[in-house]
PDB file of all heavy atoms in Angstrom:
ATOM      1  N   GLU A   1      -6.725   9.837 -13.035  1.00  0.00           N
ATOM      2  CA  GLU A   1      -7.692   8.740 -12.938  1.00  0.00           C
ATOM      3  C   GLU A   1      -7.913   8.431 -11.428  1.00  0.00           C
ATOM      4  O   GLU A   1      -9.012   7.906 -11.089  1.00  0.00           O
ATOM      5  CB  GLU A   1      -7.072   7.503 -13.598  1.00  0.00           C
ATOM      6  CG  GLU A   1      -7.954   6.256 -13.543  1.00  0.00           C
ATOM      7  CD  GLU A   1      -7.327   5.087 -14.246  1.00  0.00           C
ATOM      8  OE1 GLU A   1      -6.182   5.223 -14.722  1.00  0.00           O
ATOM      9  OE2 GLU A   1      -7.884   4.011 -14.250  1.00  0.00           O
ATOM     10  N   TYR A   2      -6.948   8.691 -10.621  1.00  0.00           N
ATOM     11  CA  TYR A   2      -7.045   8.419  -9.068  1.00  0.00           C
ATOM     12  C   TYR A   2      -6.955   9.782  -8.395  1.00  0.00           C
ATOM     13  O   TYR A   2      -6.413   9.859  -7.292  1.00  0.00           O
ATOM     14  CB  TYR A   2      -5.947   7.519  -8.647  1.00  0.00           C
ATOM     15  CG  TYR A   2      -5.785   6.316  -9.542  1.00  0.00           C
ATOM     16  CD1 TYR A   2      -4.716   6.113 -10.405  1.00  0.00           C
ATOM     17  CD2 TYR A   2      -6.734   5.185  -9.455  1.00  0.00           C
ATOM     18  CE1 TYR A   2      -4.553   5.101 -11.160  1.00  0.00           C
ATOM     19  CE2 TYR A   2      -6.571   4.148 -10.224  1.00  0.00           C
ATOM     20  CZ  TYR A   2      -5.489   4.037 -11.125  1.00  0.00           C
ATOM     21  OH  TYR A   2      -5.339   2.923 -11.971  1.00  0.00           O
ATOM     22  N   GLY A   3      -7.524  10.777  -8.899  1.00  0.00           N
ATOM     23  CA  GLY A   3      -7.340  12.135  -8.432  1.00  0.00           C
ATOM     24  C   GLY A   3      -7.861  12.412  -7.016  1.00  0.00           C
ATOM     25  O   GLY A   3      -7.406  13.309  -6.336  1.00  0.00           O
ATOM     26  N   ARG A   4      -8.799  11.612  -6.558  1.00  0.00           N
ATOM     27  CA  ARG A   4      -9.361  11.886  -5.194  1.00  0.00           C
ATOM     28  C   ARG A   4      -8.456  11.453  -4.081  1.00  0.00           C
ATOM     29  O   ARG A   4      -8.688  11.838  -2.883  1.00  0.00           O
ATOM     30  CB  ARG A   4     -10.731  11.092  -5.028  1.00  0.00           C
ATOM     31  CG  ARG A   4     -10.560   9.617  -4.883  1.00  0.00           C
ATOM     32  CD  ARG A   4     -11.899   8.995  -4.643  1.00  0.00           C
ATOM     33  NE  ARG A   4     -12.694   8.965  -5.837  1.00  0.00           N
ATOM     34  CZ  ARG A   4     -13.882   8.543  -5.968  1.00  0.00           C
ATOM     35  NH1 ARG A   4     -14.507   8.048  -4.895  1.00  0.00           N
ATOM     36  NH2 ARG A   4     -14.609   8.562  -7.102  1.00  0.00           N
ATOM     37  N   PHE A   5      -7.390  10.682  -4.388  1.00  0.00           N
ATOM     38  CA  PHE A   5      -6.425  10.233  -3.351  1.00  0.00           C
ATOM     39  C   PHE A   5      -5.090  11.034  -3.410  1.00  0.00           C
ATOM     40  O   PHE A   5      -4.568  11.033  -4.510  1.00  0.00           O
ATOM     41  CB  PHE A   5      -6.186   8.694  -3.501  1.00  0.00           C
ATOM     42  CG  PHE A   5      -7.479   7.888  -3.381  1.00  0.00           C
ATOM     43  CD1 PHE A   5      -8.025   7.388  -4.530  1.00  0.00           C
ATOM     44  CD2 PHE A   5      -8.021   7.699  -2.168  1.00  0.00           C
ATOM     45  CE1 PHE A   5      -9.216   6.665  -4.480  1.00  0.00           C
ATOM     46  CE2 PHE A   5      -9.187   6.887  -2.089  1.00  0.00           C
ATOM     47  CZ  PHE A   5      -9.813   6.439  -3.207  1.00  0.00           C
ATOM     48  N   ILE A   6      -4.701  11.553  -2.306  1.00  0.00           N
ATOM     49  CA  ILE A   6      -3.504  12.405  -2.315  1.00  0.00           C
ATOM     50  C   ILE A   6      -2.324  11.592  -1.743  1.00  0.00           C
ATOM     51  O   ILE A   6      -1.271  12.166  -1.630  1.00  0.00           O
ATOM     52  CB  ILE A   6      -3.688  13.638  -1.541  1.00  0.00           C
ATOM     53  CG1 ILE A   6      -4.092  13.419  -0.061  1.00  0.00           C
ATOM     54  CG2 ILE A   6      -4.718  14.501  -2.148  1.00  0.00           C
ATOM     55  CD1 ILE A   6      -4.302  14.579   0.767  1.00  0.00           C
ATOM     56  N   GLY A   7      -2.520  10.347  -1.362  1.00  0.00           N
ATOM     57  CA  GLY A   7      -1.422   9.500  -0.954  1.00  0.00           C
ATOM     58  C   GLY A   7      -0.958   8.591  -2.120  1.00  0.00           C
ATOM     59  O   GLY A   7      -0.766   9.077  -3.265  1.00  0.00           O
ATOM     60  N   GLY A   8      -0.814   7.316  -1.897  1.00  0.00           N
ATOM     61  CA  GLY A   8      -0.434   6.395  -2.954  1.00  0.00           C
ATOM     62  C   GLY A   8      -1.714   5.613  -3.424  1.00  0.00           C
ATOM     63  O   GLY A   8      -2.764   5.728  -2.888  1.00  0.00           O
ATOM     64  N   VAL A   9      -1.524   4.817  -4.423  1.00  0.00           N
ATOM     65  CA  VAL A   9      -2.540   4.056  -5.034  1.00  0.00           C
ATOM     66  C   VAL A   9      -2.082   2.570  -5.117  1.00  0.00           C
ATOM     67  O   VAL A   9      -0.984   2.303  -5.668  1.00  0.00           O
ATOM     68  CB  VAL A   9      -3.061   4.560  -6.351  1.00  0.00           C
ATOM     69  CG1 VAL A   9      -3.950   3.485  -7.042  1.00  0.00           C
ATOM     70  CG2 VAL A   9      -3.801   5.806  -6.205  1.00  0.00           C
ATOM     71  N   VAL A  10      -2.869   1.600  -4.627  1.00  0.00           N
ATOM     72  CA  VAL A  10      -2.559   0.206  -4.803  1.00  0.00           C
ATOM     73  C   VAL A  10      -3.525  -0.327  -5.803  1.00  0.00           C
ATOM     74  O   VAL A  10      -4.758  -0.380  -5.503  1.00  0.00           O
ATOM     75  CB  VAL A  10      -2.698  -0.567  -3.432  1.00  0.00           C
ATOM     76  CG1 VAL A  10      -2.417  -2.008  -3.630  1.00  0.00           C
ATOM     77  CG2 VAL A  10      -1.762   0.053  -2.406  1.00  0.00           C
ATOM     78  N   ASN A  11      -3.090  -0.692  -6.959  1.00  0.00           N
ATOM     79  CA  ASN A  11      -3.959  -1.093  -8.099  1.00  0.00           C
ATOM     80  C   ASN A  11      -3.740  -2.555  -8.349  1.00  0.00           C
ATOM     81  O   ASN A  11      -2.693  -3.040  -8.754  1.00  0.00           O
ATOM     82  CB  ASN A  11      -3.524  -0.306  -9.356  1.00  0.00           C
ATOM     83  CG  ASN A  11      -4.525  -0.412 -10.431  1.00  0.00           C
ATOM     84  OD1 ASN A  11      -5.701  -0.743 -10.205  1.00  0.00           O
ATOM     85  ND2 ASN A  11      -4.102  -0.192 -11.669  1.00  0.00           N
ATOM     86  N   LEU A  12      -4.834  -3.407  -8.140  1.00  0.00           N
ATOM     87  CA  LEU A  12      -4.815  -4.823  -8.283  1.00  0.00           C
ATOM     88  C   LEU A  12      -5.340  -5.210  -9.618  1.00  0.00           C
ATOM     89  O   LEU A  12      -6.328  -4.707 -10.045  1.00  0.00           O
ATOM     90  CB  LEU A  12      -5.524  -5.479  -7.113  1.00  0.00           C
ATOM     91  CG  LEU A  12      -5.105  -5.065  -5.676  1.00  0.00           C
ATOM     92  CD1 LEU A  12      -6.104  -5.705  -4.732  1.00  0.00           C
ATOM     93  CD2 LEU A  12      -3.689  -5.415  -5.375  1.00  0.00           C
ATOM     94  N   VAL A  13      -4.753  -6.265 -10.201  1.00  0.00           N
ATOM     95  CA  VAL A  13      -5.281  -6.898 -11.466  1.00  0.00           C
ATOM     96  C   VAL A  13      -5.591  -8.316 -11.156  1.00  0.00           C
ATOM     97  O   VAL A  13      -4.639  -8.986 -10.658  1.00  0.00           O
ATOM     98  CB  VAL A  13      -4.249  -6.635 -12.579  1.00  0.00           C
ATOM     99  CG1 VAL A  13      -4.813  -7.276 -13.818  1.00  0.00           C
ATOM    100  CG2 VAL A  13      -4.039  -5.175 -12.892  1.00  0.00           C
ATOM    101  N   SER A  14      -6.733  -8.738 -11.548  1.00  0.00           N
ATOM    102  CA  SER A  14      -7.055 -10.178 -11.226  1.00  0.00           C
ATOM    103  C   SER A  14      -6.562 -11.080 -12.271  1.00  0.00           C
ATOM    104  O   SER A  14      -6.206 -10.701 -13.442  1.00  0.00           O
ATOM    105  CB  SER A  14      -8.599 -10.338 -11.072  1.00  0.00           C
ATOM    106  OG  SER A  14      -9.240 -10.221 -12.367  1.00  0.00           O
ATOM    107  N   LYS A  15      -6.643 -12.385 -12.006  1.00  0.00           N
ATOM    108  CA  LYS A  15      -6.333 -13.450 -13.001  1.00  0.00           C
ATOM    109  C   LYS A  15      -7.537 -13.529 -13.952  1.00  0.00           C
ATOM    110  O   LYS A  15      -8.635 -13.159 -13.679  1.00  0.00           O
ATOM    111  CB  LYS A  15      -6.093 -14.728 -12.328  1.00  0.00           C
ATOM    112  CG  LYS A  15      -4.904 -14.738 -11.437  1.00  0.00           C
ATOM    113  CD  LYS A  15      -4.722 -16.100 -10.747  1.00  0.00           C
ATOM    114  CE  LYS A  15      -3.518 -16.115  -9.755  1.00  0.00           C
ATOM    115  NZ  LYS A  15      -3.351 -17.357  -8.956  1.00  0.00           N
ATOM    116  N   SER A  16      -7.196 -14.080 -15.161  1.00  0.00           N
ATOM    117  CA  SER A  16      -8.219 -14.312 -16.196  1.00  0.00           C
ATOM    118  C   SER A  16      -8.042 -15.617 -16.834  1.00  0.00           C
ATOM    119  O   SER A  16      -6.886 -16.167 -16.763  1.00  0.00           O
ATOM    120  CB  SER A  16      -8.209 -13.169 -17.219  1.00  0.00           C
ATOM    121  OG  SER A  16      -8.398 -11.851 -16.695  1.00  0.00           O
ATOM    122  N   GLY A  17      -8.988 -16.092 -17.581  1.00  0.00           N
ATOM    123  CA  GLY A  17      -8.851 -17.357 -18.281  1.00  0.00           C
ATOM    124  C   GLY A  17      -8.152 -17.146 -19.662  1.00  0.00           C
ATOM    125  O   GLY A  17      -8.061 -16.047 -20.164  1.00  0.00           O
ATOM    126  N   ASP A  18      -7.688 -18.254 -20.207  1.00  0.00           N
ATOM    127  CA  ASP A  18      -7.164 -18.288 -21.542  1.00  0.00           C
ATOM    128  C   ASP A  18      -7.615 -19.488 -22.268  1.00  0.00           C
ATOM    129  O   ASP A  18      -8.535 -20.154 -21.841  1.00  0.00           O
ATOM    130  CB  ASP A  18      -5.617 -18.130 -21.574  1.00  0.00           C
ATOM    131  CG  ASP A  18      -4.992 -19.194 -20.736  1.00  0.00           C
ATOM    132  OD1 ASP A  18      -5.564 -20.335 -20.577  1.00  0.00           O
ATOM    133  OD2 ASP A  18      -3.897 -18.987 -20.184  1.00  0.00           O
ATOM    134  N   ASN A  19      -7.034 -19.774 -23.456  1.00  0.00           N
ATOM    135  CA  ASN A  19      -7.528 -20.863 -24.206  1.00  0.00           C
ATOM    136  C   ASN A  19      -7.321 -22.253 -23.646  1.00  0.00           C
ATOM    137  O   ASN A  19      -7.945 -23.205 -24.041  1.00  0.00           O
ATOM    138  CB  ASN A  19      -6.884 -20.797 -25.650  1.00  0.00           C
ATOM    139  CG  ASN A  19      -7.527 -19.818 -26.569  1.00  0.00           C
ATOM    140  OD1 ASN A  19      -8.739 -19.593 -26.496  1.00  0.00           O
ATOM    141  ND2 ASN A  19      -6.763 -19.248 -27.468  1.00  0.00           N
ATOM    142  N   GLU A  20      -6.447 -22.342 -22.716  1.00  0.00           N
ATOM    143  CA  GLU A  20      -6.111 -23.624 -22.037  1.00  0.00           C
ATOM    144  C   GLU A  20      -6.891 -23.758 -20.707  1.00  0.00           C
ATOM    145  O   GLU A  20      -6.715 -22.937 -19.834  1.00  0.00           O
ATOM    146  CB  GLU A  20      -4.681 -23.790 -21.824  1.00  0.00           C
ATOM    147  CG  GLU A  20      -4.167 -25.156 -21.211  1.00  0.00           C
ATOM    148  CD  GLU A  20      -2.773 -25.250 -21.061  1.00  0.00           C
ATOM    149  OE1 GLU A  20      -2.012 -24.385 -21.490  1.00  0.00           O
ATOM    150  OE2 GLU A  20      -2.308 -26.237 -20.406  1.00  0.00           O
ATOM    151  N   TRP A  21      -7.658 -24.790 -20.557  1.00  0.00           N
ATOM    152  CA  TRP A  21      -8.327 -24.985 -19.303  1.00  0.00           C
ATOM    153  C   TRP A  21      -7.443 -25.482 -18.270  1.00  0.00           C
ATOM    154  O   TRP A  21      -6.583 -26.412 -18.432  1.00  0.00           O
ATOM    155  CB  TRP A  21      -9.491 -26.008 -19.437  1.00  0.00           C
ATOM    156  CG  TRP A  21     -10.756 -25.394 -20.032  1.00  0.00           C
ATOM    157  CD1 TRP A  21     -11.209 -25.435 -21.328  1.00  0.00           C
ATOM    158  CD2 TRP A  21     -11.744 -24.738 -19.229  1.00  0.00           C
ATOM    159  NE1 TRP A  21     -12.360 -24.718 -21.467  1.00  0.00           N
ATOM    160  CE2 TRP A  21     -12.732 -24.330 -20.198  1.00  0.00           C
ATOM    161  CE3 TRP A  21     -11.926 -24.470 -17.921  1.00  0.00           C
ATOM    162  CZ2 TRP A  21     -13.904 -23.635 -19.813  1.00  0.00           C
ATOM    163  CZ3 TRP A  21     -13.020 -23.746 -17.537  1.00  0.00           C
ATOM    164  CH2 TRP A  21     -13.968 -23.307 -18.439  1.00  0.00           C
ATOM    165  N   THR A  22      -7.438 -24.913 -17.087  1.00  0.00           N
ATOM    166  CA  THR A  22      -6.597 -25.290 -16.025  1.00  0.00           C
ATOM    167  C   THR A  22      -7.484 -25.357 -14.692  1.00  0.00           C
ATOM    168  O   THR A  22      -8.423 -24.661 -14.565  1.00  0.00           O
ATOM    169  CB  THR A  22      -5.434 -24.318 -15.763  1.00  0.00           C
ATOM    170  OG1 THR A  22      -5.987 -22.973 -15.514  1.00  0.00           O
ATOM    171  CG2 THR A  22      -4.509 -24.210 -16.971  1.00  0.00           C
ATOM    172  N   PHE A  23      -7.029 -26.258 -13.816  1.00  0.00           N
ATOM    173  CA  PHE A  23      -7.732 -26.405 -12.525  1.00  0.00           C
ATOM    174  C   PHE A  23      -6.704 -26.469 -11.451  1.00  0.00           C
ATOM    175  O   PHE A  23      -5.532 -26.987 -11.637  1.00  0.00           O
ATOM    176  CB  PHE A  23      -8.563 -27.683 -12.505  1.00  0.00           C
ATOM    177  CG  PHE A  23      -9.580 -27.745 -13.642  1.00  0.00           C
ATOM    178  CD1 PHE A  23      -9.211 -28.269 -14.884  1.00  0.00           C
ATOM    179  CD2 PHE A  23     -10.869 -27.279 -13.501  1.00  0.00           C
ATOM    180  CE1 PHE A  23     -10.072 -28.323 -15.968  1.00  0.00           C
ATOM    181  CE2 PHE A  23     -11.780 -27.275 -14.537  1.00  0.00           C
ATOM    182  CZ  PHE A  23     -11.393 -27.866 -15.769  1.00  0.00           C
ATOM    183  N   GLY A  24      -7.083 -26.074 -10.243  1.00  0.00           N
ATOM    184  CA  GLY A  24      -6.116 -26.099  -9.110  1.00  0.00           C
ATOM    185  C   GLY A  24      -6.822 -26.092  -7.807  1.00  0.00           C
ATOM    186  O   GLY A  24      -7.930 -25.725  -7.651  1.00  0.00           O
ATOM    187  N   ALA A  25      -5.986 -26.489  -6.798  1.00  0.00           N
ATOM    188  CA  ALA A  25      -6.497 -26.448  -5.381  1.00  0.00           C
ATOM    189  C   ALA A  25      -5.326 -26.227  -4.462  1.00  0.00           C
ATOM    190  O   ALA A  25      -4.190 -26.609  -4.733  1.00  0.00           O
ATOM    191  CB  ALA A  25      -7.215 -27.797  -5.051  1.00  0.00           C
ATOM    192  N   LYS A  26      -5.561 -25.572  -3.357  1.00  0.00           N
ATOM    193  CA  LYS A  26      -4.607 -25.325  -2.359  1.00  0.00           C
ATOM    194  C   LYS A  26      -5.177 -25.251  -0.973  1.00  0.00           C
ATOM    195  O   LYS A  26      -6.316 -24.702  -0.819  1.00  0.00           O
ATOM    196  CB  LYS A  26      -3.885 -23.991  -2.609  1.00  0.00           C
ATOM    197  CG  LYS A  26      -2.795 -23.643  -1.638  1.00  0.00           C
ATOM    198  CD  LYS A  26      -1.937 -22.434  -2.087  1.00  0.00           C
ATOM    199  CE  LYS A  26      -2.726 -21.158  -1.919  1.00  0.00           C
ATOM    200  NZ  LYS A  26      -1.946 -19.991  -2.208  1.00  0.00           N
ATOM    201  N   ALA A  27      -4.603 -25.787   0.003  1.00  0.00           N
ATOM    202  CA  ALA A  27      -5.075 -25.861   1.442  1.00  0.00           C
ATOM    203  C   ALA A  27      -3.953 -25.364   2.312  1.00  0.00           C
ATOM    204  O   ALA A  27      -2.815 -25.733   2.186  1.00  0.00           O
ATOM    205  CB  ALA A  27      -5.503 -27.194   1.865  1.00  0.00           C
ATOM    206  N   GLU A  28      -4.368 -24.393   3.253  1.00  0.00           N
ATOM    207  CA  GLU A  28      -3.436 -23.891   4.187  1.00  0.00           C
ATOM    208  C   GLU A  28      -4.054 -24.087   5.616  1.00  0.00           C
ATOM    209  O   GLU A  28      -5.156 -23.566   5.858  1.00  0.00           O
ATOM    210  CB  GLU A  28      -3.093 -22.398   3.989  1.00  0.00           C
ATOM    211  CG  GLU A  28      -2.412 -22.131   2.610  1.00  0.00           C
ATOM    212  CD  GLU A  28      -2.142 -20.703   2.436  1.00  0.00           C
ATOM    213  OE1 GLU A  28      -1.962 -19.982   3.451  1.00  0.00           O
ATOM    214  OE2 GLU A  28      -2.117 -20.238   1.285  1.00  0.00           O
TER     215      GLU A  28
END
């Protein structure tokens, strides 16, 4: 699936919603 890369692969998966609504905030 990642055949073009001969080193390593970093595979990220994002967050998704579910049946419960949630809200948040963060400041740095």
